[in-house]
Amino acid sequence: MRIRSVLLSAVFVLLAASPAFAQKKFENDGNHSFFRFKASTTLFDVEGWFDKYNLDIKGDPADPKDASIKIELDVASINTRNKTRDKHLMSPDFFDAKKYKKVTFTSNKVTKQGEKYLVAGTLDMHGVKKEITIPLSHTRAKNGAGFEEDVFKGSLTINRKDYTIGVDSVAAKISLADEVEIKVLIAGFAK
């Protein structure tokens, strides 16, 4: 009986260690990944991004049902190439970076629809949580250094007022559009 239990334990360990049961971990390529936005005013578009972020992706692109994605953006790292504007965006008029330090997206379901991945989850921004879906295309190819790399990219539009961003700002009331385009590119290596 003891030998049988030892053999069953050994088989379980071998199965758990096999690629079919292993969950892949994604190693981010910080040189190419980005989280950008474009907001329109009456006169021009303002494009920006977040310089600092944490990214945690697990799963196998070939079988996304057990995949999970968590993106955490550092609000104080907002960058629109204009320090005065960035300071205003971090103020209570917009993101209120001292009170709401992070913008977080946490997936709760990843499905494949044709060539696209639909990543459904919760966007937590400025103290407001909303369910959104990010459509991502996927490419796997060798990068310039000759290593196989996975790239996921997509875009979606959100309404900033849904997250109470800029609702009390005089500048936003005068000229800022409600809709903001979000662009995501996640590049890295599945291990």
N, C-alpha and C. Protein backbone atom coordinates (compact mmCIF):
# COMPACT_ATOMS: atom_id res chain seq x y z
N MET A 1 0.82 -1.19 0.00
CA MET A 1 0.00 0.00 0.00
C MET A 1 0.87 1.26 0.00
N ARG A 2 1.93 1.24 0.80
CA ARG A 2 2.83 2.39 0.90
C ARG A 2 3.55 2.62 -0.43
N ILE A 3 3.97 1.53 -1.10
CA ILE A 3 4.65 1.66 -2.40
C ILE A 3 3.71 2.29 -3.41
N ARG A 4 2.44 1.87 -3.39
CA ARG A 4 1.46 2.42 -4.33
C ARG A 4 1.28 3.93 -4.10
N SER A 5 1.20 4.35 -2.86
CA SER A 5 1.03 5.77 -2.58
C SER A 5 2.26 6.58 -2.98
N VAL A 6 3.46 6.01 -2.82
CA VAL A 6 4.69 6.69 -3.25
C VAL A 6 4.70 6.81 -4.78
N LEU A 7 4.30 5.74 -5.49
CA LEU A 7 4.25 5.77 -6.95
C LEU A 7 3.23 6.79 -7.45
N LEU A 8 2.06 6.83 -6.83
CA LEU A 8 1.04 7.80 -7.23
C LEU A 8 1.54 9.23 -7.01
N SER A 9 2.22 9.46 -5.90
CA SER A 9 2.77 10.79 -5.62
C SER A 9 3.80 11.17 -6.67
N ALA A 10 4.66 10.22 -7.05
CA ALA A 10 5.68 10.48 -8.06
C ALA A 10 5.05 10.80 -9.41
N VAL A 11 4.01 10.06 -9.79
CA VAL A 11 3.32 10.31 -11.05
C VAL A 11 2.69 11.70 -11.03
N PHE A 12 2.06 12.08 -9.92
CA PHE A 12 1.44 13.40 -9.81
C PHE A 12 2.49 14.51 -9.97
N VAL A 13 3.64 14.37 -9.33
CA VAL A 13 4.71 15.36 -9.43
C VAL A 13 5.18 15.49 -10.87
N LEU A 14 5.36 14.35 -11.55
CA LEU A 14 5.80 14.38 -12.95
C LEU A 14 4.75 15.05 -13.84
N LEU A 15 3.48 14.74 -13.62
CA LEU A 15 2.43 15.36 -14.42
C LEU A 15 2.36 16.87 -14.17
N ALA A 16 2.45 17.25 -12.92
CA ALA A 16 2.37 18.68 -12.58
C ALA A 16 3.53 19.46 -13.18
N ALA A 17 4.68 18.80 -13.34
CA ALA A 17 5.85 19.47 -13.90
C ALA A 17 5.85 19.46 -15.43
N SER A 18 4.94 18.70 -16.04
CA SER A 18 4.94 18.61 -17.50
C SER A 18 4.40 19.89 -18.11
N PRO A 19 4.80 20.21 -19.37
CA PRO A 19 4.35 21.45 -20.01
C PRO A 19 2.84 21.56 -20.10
N ALA A 20 2.13 20.44 -20.19
CA ALA A 20 0.67 20.49 -20.31
C ALA A 20 0.02 21.07 -19.06
N PHE A 21 0.65 20.92 -17.90
CA PHE A 21 0.08 21.41 -16.65
C PHE A 21 0.76 22.68 -16.14
N ALA A 22 1.88 23.02 -16.72
CA ALA A 22 2.62 24.19 -16.25
C ALA A 22 1.99 25.47 -16.78
N GLN A 23 1.89 26.47 -15.94
CA GLN A 23 1.37 27.76 -16.37
C GLN A 23 2.57 28.61 -16.77
N LYS A 24 2.53 29.13 -18.00
CA LYS A 24 3.64 29.94 -18.48
C LYS A 24 3.61 31.30 -17.81
N LYS A 25 4.79 31.84 -17.56
CA LYS A 25 4.93 33.19 -16.99
C LYS A 25 5.51 34.06 -18.09
N PHE A 26 5.03 35.26 -18.18
CA PHE A 26 5.42 36.19 -19.23
C PHE A 26 6.46 37.15 -18.69
N GLU A 27 7.61 37.21 -19.35
CA GLU A 27 8.66 38.16 -18.95
C GLU A 27 8.56 39.38 -19.85
N ASN A 28 8.27 40.54 -19.26
CA ASN A 28 8.04 41.76 -20.01
C ASN A 28 9.30 42.27 -20.71
N ASP A 29 9.14 42.75 -21.93
CA ASP A 29 10.19 43.45 -22.67
C ASP A 29 9.90 44.94 -22.50
N GLY A 30 10.48 45.54 -21.48
CA GLY A 30 10.22 46.93 -21.15
C GLY A 30 10.68 47.93 -22.19
N ASN A 31 11.52 47.50 -23.13
CA ASN A 31 11.96 48.40 -24.19
C ASN A 31 10.86 48.65 -25.22
N HIS A 32 9.87 47.77 -25.29
CA HIS A 32 8.86 47.89 -26.33
C HIS A 32 7.43 47.99 -25.80
N SER A 33 7.16 47.50 -24.61
CA SER A 33 5.80 47.57 -24.07
C SER A 33 5.45 49.02 -23.73
N PHE A 34 4.17 49.38 -23.92
CA PHE A 34 3.73 50.72 -23.52
C PHE A 34 2.23 50.74 -23.24
N PHE A 35 1.83 51.77 -22.48
CA PHE A 35 0.43 52.04 -22.15
C PHE A 35 0.22 53.52 -22.42
N ARG A 36 -0.38 53.83 -23.57
CA ARG A 36 -0.52 55.21 -24.04
C ARG A 36 -1.98 55.62 -24.07
N PHE A 37 -2.17 56.93 -24.14
CA PHE A 37 -3.52 57.47 -24.26
C PHE A 37 -3.50 58.68 -25.18
N LYS A 38 -4.66 58.97 -25.75
CA LYS A 38 -4.83 60.17 -26.57
C LYS A 38 -6.14 60.82 -26.18
N ALA A 39 -6.05 62.06 -25.71
CA ALA A 39 -7.24 62.85 -25.35
C ALA A 39 -7.32 64.03 -26.31
N SER A 40 -8.51 64.34 -26.76
CA SER A 40 -8.68 65.43 -27.71
C SER A 40 -9.23 66.67 -27.04
N THR A 41 -8.69 67.81 -27.44
CA THR A 41 -9.23 69.10 -27.02
C THR A 41 -9.82 69.77 -28.25
N THR A 42 -10.42 70.93 -28.06
CA THR A 42 -11.00 71.67 -29.17
C THR A 42 -9.95 71.98 -30.23
N LEU A 43 -8.71 72.23 -29.81
CA LEU A 43 -7.66 72.65 -30.73
C LEU A 43 -6.73 71.53 -31.19
N PHE A 44 -6.42 70.59 -30.31
CA PHE A 44 -5.40 69.59 -30.66
C PHE A 44 -5.57 68.34 -29.82
N ASP A 45 -4.83 67.30 -30.20
CA ASP A 45 -4.81 66.05 -29.42
C ASP A 45 -3.64 66.08 -28.44
N VAL A 46 -3.86 65.53 -27.28
CA VAL A 46 -2.80 65.38 -26.28
C VAL A 46 -2.51 63.89 -26.16
N GLU A 47 -1.28 63.50 -26.48
CA GLU A 47 -0.88 62.10 -26.36
C GLU A 47 0.07 61.97 -25.17
N GLY A 48 -0.04 60.83 -24.49
CA GLY A 48 0.82 60.60 -23.34
C GLY A 48 0.90 59.13 -23.01
N TRP A 49 1.64 58.84 -21.96
CA TRP A 49 1.85 57.46 -21.53
C TRP A 49 2.28 57.46 -20.07
N PHE A 50 2.45 56.28 -19.52
CA PHE A 50 2.93 56.12 -18.15
C PHE A 50 4.31 55.48 -18.21
N ASP A 51 5.31 56.18 -17.66
CA ASP A 51 6.69 55.69 -17.71
C ASP A 51 6.92 54.50 -16.78
N LYS A 52 6.17 54.41 -15.68
CA LYS A 52 6.38 53.32 -14.71
C LYS A 52 5.13 52.47 -14.60
N TYR A 53 5.34 51.18 -14.63
CA TYR A 53 4.22 50.25 -14.51
C TYR A 53 4.72 48.89 -14.06
N ASN A 54 3.81 48.09 -13.55
CA ASN A 54 4.07 46.68 -13.24
C ASN A 54 3.14 45.85 -14.10
N LEU A 55 3.65 44.73 -14.57
CA LEU A 55 2.89 43.87 -15.46
C LEU A 55 3.08 42.43 -15.02
N ASP A 56 1.97 41.73 -14.82
CA ASP A 56 2.03 40.33 -14.42
C ASP A 56 1.09 39.54 -15.33
N ILE A 57 1.66 38.71 -16.20
CA ILE A 57 0.88 37.91 -17.14
C ILE A 57 1.26 36.45 -16.96
N LYS A 58 0.24 35.61 -16.85
CA LYS A 58 0.45 34.16 -16.75
C LYS A 58 -0.46 33.49 -17.75
N GLY A 59 -0.02 32.36 -18.27
CA GLY A 59 -0.86 31.59 -19.18
C GLY A 59 -0.15 31.27 -20.47
N ASP A 60 -0.83 30.53 -21.31
CA ASP A 60 -0.29 30.07 -22.58
C ASP A 60 -1.12 30.69 -23.70
N PRO A 61 -0.49 31.47 -24.62
CA PRO A 61 -1.25 32.07 -25.71
C PRO A 61 -2.02 31.05 -26.55
N ALA A 62 -1.52 29.81 -26.61
CA ALA A 62 -2.21 28.77 -27.38
C ALA A 62 -3.49 28.31 -26.70
N ASP A 63 -3.60 28.51 -25.38
CA ASP A 63 -4.77 28.07 -24.63
C ASP A 63 -5.05 29.10 -23.54
N PRO A 64 -5.76 30.20 -23.88
CA PRO A 64 -5.88 31.33 -22.96
C PRO A 64 -6.88 31.17 -21.82
N LYS A 65 -7.60 30.05 -21.73
CA LYS A 65 -8.67 29.97 -20.74
C LYS A 65 -8.20 30.14 -19.30
N ASP A 66 -6.93 29.79 -19.00
CA ASP A 66 -6.42 29.95 -17.64
C ASP A 66 -5.47 31.16 -17.51
N ALA A 67 -5.47 32.01 -18.53
CA ALA A 67 -4.56 33.16 -18.53
C ALA A 67 -5.04 34.21 -17.53
N SER A 68 -4.10 34.98 -17.01
CA SER A 68 -4.44 36.11 -16.14
C SER A 68 -3.49 37.26 -16.44
N ILE A 69 -4.03 38.46 -16.37
CA ILE A 69 -3.25 39.67 -16.67
C ILE A 69 -3.55 40.70 -15.59
N LYS A 70 -2.49 41.29 -15.07
CA LYS A 70 -2.66 42.42 -14.15
C LYS A 70 -1.69 43.52 -14.59
N ILE A 71 -2.24 44.69 -14.80
CA ILE A 71 -1.45 45.86 -15.20
C ILE A 71 -1.63 46.92 -14.13
N GLU A 72 -0.53 47.47 -13.65
CA GLU A 72 -0.59 48.49 -12.61
C GLU A 72 0.25 49.68 -13.07
N LEU A 73 -0.42 50.81 -13.36
CA LEU A 73 0.25 52.01 -13.83
C LEU A 73 0.48 52.97 -12.67
N ASP A 74 1.68 53.54 -12.61
CA ASP A 74 2.03 54.52 -11.59
C ASP A 74 1.58 55.90 -12.09
N VAL A 75 0.53 56.45 -11.48
CA VAL A 75 -0.05 57.70 -11.95
C VAL A 75 0.97 58.84 -11.96
N ALA A 76 1.86 58.88 -10.98
CA ALA A 76 2.86 59.95 -10.90
C ALA A 76 3.87 59.89 -12.04
N SER A 77 3.85 58.83 -12.84
CA SER A 77 4.79 58.72 -13.96
C SER A 77 4.16 59.15 -15.28
N ILE A 78 2.99 59.81 -15.22
CA ILE A 78 2.33 60.27 -16.44
C ILE A 78 3.26 61.20 -17.21
N ASN A 79 3.27 61.06 -18.54
CA ASN A 79 4.20 61.83 -19.35
C ASN A 79 3.51 62.24 -20.65
N THR A 80 3.31 63.55 -20.82
CA THR A 80 2.76 64.09 -22.06
C THR A 80 3.78 65.00 -22.75
N ARG A 81 5.01 64.94 -22.32
CA ARG A 81 6.11 65.77 -22.83
C ARG A 81 5.91 67.25 -22.52
N ASN A 82 5.15 67.53 -21.46
CA ASN A 82 4.94 68.90 -21.02
C ASN A 82 4.79 68.86 -19.49
N LYS A 83 5.84 69.27 -18.78
CA LYS A 83 5.87 69.13 -17.32
C LYS A 83 4.73 69.90 -16.63
N THR A 84 4.39 71.08 -17.16
CA THR A 84 3.30 71.85 -16.55
C THR A 84 1.97 71.10 -16.69
N ARG A 85 1.72 70.56 -17.87
CA ARG A 85 0.49 69.80 -18.09
C ARG A 85 0.48 68.53 -17.25
N ASP A 86 1.64 67.84 -17.19
CA ASP A 86 1.72 66.62 -16.38
C ASP A 86 1.40 66.90 -14.92
N LYS A 87 1.92 68.01 -14.41
CA LYS A 87 1.65 68.39 -13.02
C LYS A 87 0.16 68.64 -12.83
N HIS A 88 -0.48 69.28 -13.80
CA HIS A 88 -1.91 69.54 -13.72
C HIS A 88 -2.70 68.23 -13.78
N LEU A 89 -2.28 67.29 -14.64
CA LEU A 89 -2.96 66.01 -14.73
C LEU A 89 -2.85 65.20 -13.43
N MET A 90 -1.76 65.41 -12.68
CA MET A 90 -1.59 64.70 -11.41
C MET A 90 -2.33 65.37 -10.26
N SER A 91 -2.85 66.57 -10.51
CA SER A 91 -3.54 67.33 -9.46
C SER A 91 -4.95 66.79 -9.22
N PRO A 92 -5.62 67.25 -8.15
CA PRO A 92 -7.00 66.83 -7.90
C PRO A 92 -7.97 67.17 -9.04
N ASP A 93 -7.60 68.09 -9.93
CA ASP A 93 -8.44 68.40 -11.09
C ASP A 93 -8.64 67.18 -12.00
N PHE A 94 -7.64 66.28 -12.02
CA PHE A 94 -7.70 65.13 -12.91
C PHE A 94 -7.47 63.83 -12.15
N PHE A 95 -6.23 63.32 -12.14
CA PHE A 95 -5.97 62.00 -11.57
C PHE A 95 -5.81 61.99 -10.05
N ASP A 96 -5.47 63.12 -9.46
CA ASP A 96 -5.25 63.21 -8.01
C ASP A 96 -4.25 62.14 -7.56
N ALA A 97 -3.04 62.24 -8.09
CA ALA A 97 -2.01 61.21 -7.91
C ALA A 97 -1.62 60.97 -6.46
N LYS A 98 -1.78 61.96 -5.59
CA LYS A 98 -1.45 61.74 -4.18
C LYS A 98 -2.46 60.82 -3.50
N LYS A 99 -3.71 60.91 -3.92
CA LYS A 99 -4.76 60.09 -3.33
C LYS A 99 -4.92 58.76 -4.06
N TYR A 100 -4.86 58.79 -5.39
CA TYR A 100 -5.04 57.59 -6.21
C TYR A 100 -3.73 57.33 -6.96
N LYS A 101 -2.86 56.60 -6.33
CA LYS A 101 -1.50 56.42 -6.83
C LYS A 101 -1.38 55.49 -8.04
N LYS A 102 -2.35 54.60 -8.21
CA LYS A 102 -2.27 53.57 -9.26
C LYS A 102 -3.54 53.54 -10.10
N VAL A 103 -3.36 53.17 -11.35
CA VAL A 103 -4.46 52.75 -12.22
C VAL A 103 -4.21 51.26 -12.44
N THR A 104 -5.22 50.44 -12.15
CA THR A 104 -5.02 48.99 -12.19
C THR A 104 -6.06 48.33 -13.09
N PHE A 105 -5.59 47.41 -13.91
CA PHE A 105 -6.49 46.54 -14.67
C PHE A 105 -6.20 45.11 -14.25
N THR A 106 -7.24 44.38 -13.85
CA THR A 106 -7.11 42.98 -13.44
C THR A 106 -8.09 42.15 -14.26
N SER A 107 -7.55 41.20 -15.01
CA SER A 107 -8.43 40.38 -15.85
C SER A 107 -9.22 39.39 -15.02
N ASN A 108 -10.40 39.01 -15.52
CA ASN A 108 -11.14 37.93 -14.90
C ASN A 108 -11.50 36.85 -15.92
N LYS A 109 -11.24 37.13 -17.22
CA LYS A 109 -11.50 36.13 -18.25
C LYS A 109 -10.75 36.52 -19.53
N VAL A 110 -10.10 35.53 -20.15
CA VAL A 110 -9.44 35.74 -21.44
C VAL A 110 -9.98 34.70 -22.40
N THR A 111 -10.51 35.18 -23.53
CA THR A 111 -11.04 34.27 -24.54
C THR A 111 -10.43 34.62 -25.89
N LYS A 112 -10.45 33.65 -26.78
CA LYS A 112 -9.95 33.88 -28.13
C LYS A 112 -11.13 33.92 -29.06
N GLN A 113 -11.19 34.95 -29.90
CA GLN A 113 -12.26 35.10 -30.87
C GLN A 113 -11.61 35.36 -32.22
N GLY A 114 -11.54 34.31 -33.04
CA GLY A 114 -10.81 34.42 -34.31
C GLY A 114 -9.34 34.62 -34.02
N GLU A 115 -8.78 35.69 -34.55
CA GLU A 115 -7.36 36.00 -34.32
C GLU A 115 -7.14 36.92 -33.13
N LYS A 116 -8.21 37.36 -32.49
CA LYS A 116 -8.10 38.31 -31.37
C LYS A 116 -8.27 37.61 -30.03
N TYR A 117 -7.62 38.18 -29.02
CA TYR A 117 -7.84 37.79 -27.63
C TYR A 117 -8.71 38.87 -27.01
N LEU A 118 -9.76 38.48 -26.32
CA LEU A 118 -10.61 39.42 -25.61
C LEU A 118 -10.33 39.28 -24.12
N VAL A 119 -9.75 40.31 -23.56
CA VAL A 119 -9.34 40.28 -22.16
C VAL A 119 -10.34 41.11 -21.36
N ALA A 120 -11.22 40.42 -20.65
CA ALA A 120 -12.24 41.09 -19.84
C ALA A 120 -11.73 41.22 -18.41
N GLY A 121 -12.03 42.36 -17.79
CA GLY A 121 -11.59 42.55 -16.42
C GLY A 121 -12.05 43.87 -15.86
N THR A 122 -11.47 44.22 -14.72
CA THR A 122 -11.86 45.42 -13.99
C THR A 122 -10.78 46.49 -14.12
N LEU A 123 -11.20 47.67 -14.60
CA LEU A 123 -10.31 48.83 -14.61
C LEU A 123 -10.65 49.65 -13.38
N ASP A 124 -9.65 49.83 -12.52
CA ASP A 124 -9.79 50.57 -11.27
C ASP A 124 -8.98 51.86 -11.41
N MET A 125 -9.70 52.98 -11.57
CA MET A 125 -9.02 54.25 -11.80
C MET A 125 -9.74 55.36 -11.05
N HIS A 126 -8.99 56.13 -10.31
CA HIS A 126 -9.52 57.30 -9.60
C HIS A 126 -10.64 56.91 -8.64
N GLY A 127 -10.50 55.71 -8.04
CA GLY A 127 -11.47 55.24 -7.06
C GLY A 127 -12.74 54.66 -7.64
N VAL A 128 -12.77 54.48 -8.97
CA VAL A 128 -13.95 53.93 -9.65
C VAL A 128 -13.54 52.64 -10.35
N LYS A 129 -14.36 51.60 -10.17
CA LYS A 129 -14.11 50.32 -10.83
C LYS A 129 -15.18 50.06 -11.87
N LYS A 130 -14.73 49.74 -13.10
CA LYS A 130 -15.66 49.43 -14.20
C LYS A 130 -15.15 48.21 -14.94
N GLU A 131 -16.10 47.41 -15.43
CA GLU A 131 -15.74 46.25 -16.24
C GLU A 131 -15.51 46.70 -17.68
N ILE A 132 -14.38 46.30 -18.24
CA ILE A 132 -14.05 46.63 -19.63
C ILE A 132 -13.50 45.37 -20.31
N THR A 133 -13.42 45.42 -21.64
CA THR A 133 -12.79 44.35 -22.40
C THR A 133 -11.77 44.97 -23.33
N ILE A 134 -10.54 44.46 -23.27
CA ILE A 134 -9.47 44.94 -24.13
C ILE A 134 -9.27 43.91 -25.25
N PRO A 135 -9.51 44.29 -26.52
CA PRO A 135 -9.24 43.36 -27.62
C PRO A 135 -7.76 43.45 -28.01
N LEU A 136 -7.09 42.32 -28.04
CA LEU A 136 -5.65 42.31 -28.35
C LEU A 136 -5.36 41.37 -29.53
N SER A 137 -4.54 41.84 -30.45
CA SER A 137 -4.02 40.96 -31.49
C SER A 137 -2.72 40.37 -30.97
N HIS A 138 -2.32 39.22 -31.50
CA HIS A 138 -1.12 38.53 -31.02
C HIS A 138 -0.22 38.18 -32.19
N THR A 139 1.06 38.45 -32.03
CA THR A 139 2.07 38.07 -33.01
C THR A 139 3.22 37.42 -32.26
N ARG A 140 3.72 36.32 -32.81
CA ARG A 140 4.90 35.67 -32.25
C ARG A 140 5.92 35.55 -33.38
N ALA A 141 7.10 36.13 -33.16
CA ALA A 141 8.14 36.11 -34.19
C ALA A 141 9.49 36.37 -33.52
N LYS A 142 10.54 36.22 -34.31
CA LYS A 142 11.87 36.53 -33.79
C LYS A 142 12.08 38.03 -33.81
N ASN A 143 12.63 38.54 -32.72
CA ASN A 143 12.94 39.97 -32.65
C ASN A 143 14.30 40.22 -33.31
N GLY A 144 14.77 41.47 -33.27
CA GLY A 144 16.03 41.84 -33.91
C GLY A 144 17.24 41.11 -33.35
N ALA A 145 17.15 40.62 -32.11
CA ALA A 145 18.26 39.87 -31.51
C ALA A 145 18.16 38.37 -31.79
N GLY A 146 17.10 37.96 -32.50
CA GLY A 146 16.95 36.56 -32.86
C GLY A 146 16.20 35.71 -31.85
N PHE A 147 15.57 36.33 -30.85
CA PHE A 147 14.81 35.59 -29.84
C PHE A 147 13.32 35.61 -30.17
N GLU A 148 12.63 34.49 -29.93
CA GLU A 148 11.18 34.43 -30.11
C GLU A 148 10.52 35.35 -29.09
N GLU A 149 9.63 36.22 -29.58
CA GLU A 149 8.97 37.17 -28.70
C GLU A 149 7.48 37.22 -29.04
N ASP A 150 6.65 37.36 -28.00
CA ASP A 150 5.22 37.52 -28.17
C ASP A 150 4.87 39.00 -28.04
N VAL A 151 4.01 39.48 -28.93
CA VAL A 151 3.55 40.86 -28.87
C VAL A 151 2.02 40.86 -28.93
N PHE A 152 1.42 41.55 -27.95
CA PHE A 152 -0.03 41.72 -27.88
C PHE A 152 -0.30 43.21 -27.99
N LYS A 153 -1.17 43.60 -28.92
CA LYS A 153 -1.47 45.02 -29.02
C LYS A 153 -2.94 45.24 -29.32
N GLY A 154 -3.44 46.37 -28.82
CA GLY A 154 -4.84 46.69 -29.02
C GLY A 154 -5.16 48.09 -28.55
N SER A 155 -6.40 48.47 -28.76
CA SER A 155 -6.85 49.79 -28.32
C SER A 155 -8.31 49.74 -27.94
N LEU A 156 -8.72 50.67 -27.13
CA LEU A 156 -10.12 50.82 -26.75
C LEU A 156 -10.35 52.26 -26.37
N THR A 157 -11.61 52.65 -26.31
CA THR A 157 -11.98 54.01 -25.93
C THR A 157 -12.78 53.95 -24.64
N ILE A 158 -12.42 54.83 -23.71
CA ILE A 158 -13.18 54.95 -22.46
C ILE A 158 -13.67 56.38 -22.31
N ASN A 159 -14.68 56.55 -21.49
CA ASN A 159 -15.18 57.88 -21.18
C ASN A 159 -14.55 58.31 -19.85
N ARG A 160 -13.77 59.36 -19.87
CA ARG A 160 -13.05 59.81 -18.66
C ARG A 160 -14.03 60.17 -17.54
N LYS A 161 -15.23 60.64 -17.91
CA LYS A 161 -16.21 61.03 -16.89
C LYS A 161 -16.75 59.82 -16.12
N ASP A 162 -16.71 58.63 -16.75
CA ASP A 162 -17.11 57.42 -16.04
C ASP A 162 -16.23 57.17 -14.82
N TYR A 163 -15.00 57.71 -14.86
CA TYR A 163 -14.03 57.54 -13.77
C TYR A 163 -13.82 58.86 -13.01
N THR A 164 -14.70 59.81 -13.22
CA THR A 164 -14.67 61.15 -12.60
C THR A 164 -13.33 61.87 -12.81
N ILE A 165 -12.71 61.64 -13.98
CA ILE A 165 -11.46 62.32 -14.32
C ILE A 165 -11.79 63.66 -14.98
N GLY A 166 -11.38 64.75 -14.36
CA GLY A 166 -11.56 66.08 -14.94
C GLY A 166 -12.97 66.63 -14.89
N VAL A 167 -13.85 66.01 -14.13
CA VAL A 167 -15.26 66.48 -14.13
C VAL A 167 -15.42 67.86 -13.48
N ASP A 168 -14.52 68.22 -12.59
CA ASP A 168 -14.61 69.54 -11.93
C ASP A 168 -13.57 70.53 -12.46
N SER A 169 -12.81 70.13 -13.46
CA SER A 169 -11.77 71.00 -14.01
C SER A 169 -12.37 72.01 -14.98
N VAL A 170 -12.08 73.29 -14.76
CA VAL A 170 -12.55 74.34 -15.67
C VAL A 170 -11.96 74.11 -17.06
N ALA A 171 -10.67 73.78 -17.13
CA ALA A 171 -10.02 73.55 -18.43
C ALA A 171 -10.68 72.41 -19.18
N ALA A 172 -11.01 71.32 -18.48
CA ALA A 172 -11.67 70.18 -19.13
C ALA A 172 -13.06 70.55 -19.61
N LYS A 173 -13.79 71.34 -18.82
CA LYS A 173 -15.14 71.74 -19.21
C LYS A 173 -15.13 72.61 -20.47
N ILE A 174 -14.08 73.40 -20.61
CA ILE A 174 -13.99 74.31 -21.76
C ILE A 174 -13.68 73.56 -23.05
N SER A 175 -12.72 72.63 -23.01
CA SER A 175 -12.27 72.11 -24.30
C SER A 175 -11.95 70.61 -24.39
N LEU A 176 -12.02 69.86 -23.31
CA LEU A 176 -11.58 68.46 -23.34
C LEU A 176 -12.73 67.53 -23.70
N ALA A 177 -12.51 66.67 -24.69
CA ALA A 177 -13.51 65.67 -25.08
C ALA A 177 -13.65 64.63 -23.97
N ASP A 178 -14.82 64.01 -23.90
CA ASP A 178 -15.06 63.00 -22.87
C ASP A 178 -14.34 61.69 -23.16
N GLU A 179 -14.26 61.32 -24.44
CA GLU A 179 -13.67 60.03 -24.79
C GLU A 179 -12.15 60.12 -24.91
N VAL A 180 -11.50 59.09 -24.37
CA VAL A 180 -10.03 59.00 -24.40
C VAL A 180 -9.67 57.65 -25.00
N GLU A 181 -8.78 57.69 -25.98
CA GLU A 181 -8.33 56.45 -26.61
C GLU A 181 -7.15 55.88 -25.83
N ILE A 182 -7.21 54.60 -25.52
CA ILE A 182 -6.14 53.90 -24.82
C ILE A 182 -5.48 52.93 -25.80
N LYS A 183 -4.16 52.96 -25.86
CA LYS A 183 -3.41 52.03 -26.70
C LYS A 183 -2.49 51.20 -25.82
N VAL A 184 -2.49 49.91 -26.07
CA VAL A 184 -1.69 48.96 -25.28
C VAL A 184 -0.81 48.15 -26.22
N LEU A 185 0.46 48.05 -25.89
CA LEU A 185 1.35 47.12 -26.57
C LEU A 185 2.16 46.42 -25.50
N ILE A 186 2.02 45.11 -25.44
CA ILE A 186 2.74 44.30 -24.44
C ILE A 186 3.64 43.34 -25.20
N ALA A 187 4.92 43.50 -24.99
CA ALA A 187 5.90 42.65 -25.67
C ALA A 187 6.69 41.89 -24.62
N GLY A 188 7.04 40.64 -24.92
CA GLY A 188 7.82 39.87 -23.97
C GLY A 188 8.02 38.44 -24.37
N PHE A 189 8.44 37.65 -23.40
CA PHE A 189 8.85 36.28 -23.65
C PHE A 189 8.10 35.34 -22.72
N ALA A 190 7.40 34.36 -23.31
CA ALA A 190 6.71 33.35 -22.52
C ALA A 190 7.72 32.32 -22.05
N LYS A 191 7.74 32.06 -20.75
CA LYS A 191 8.72 31.11 -20.18
C LYS A 191 7.99 29.95 -19.55
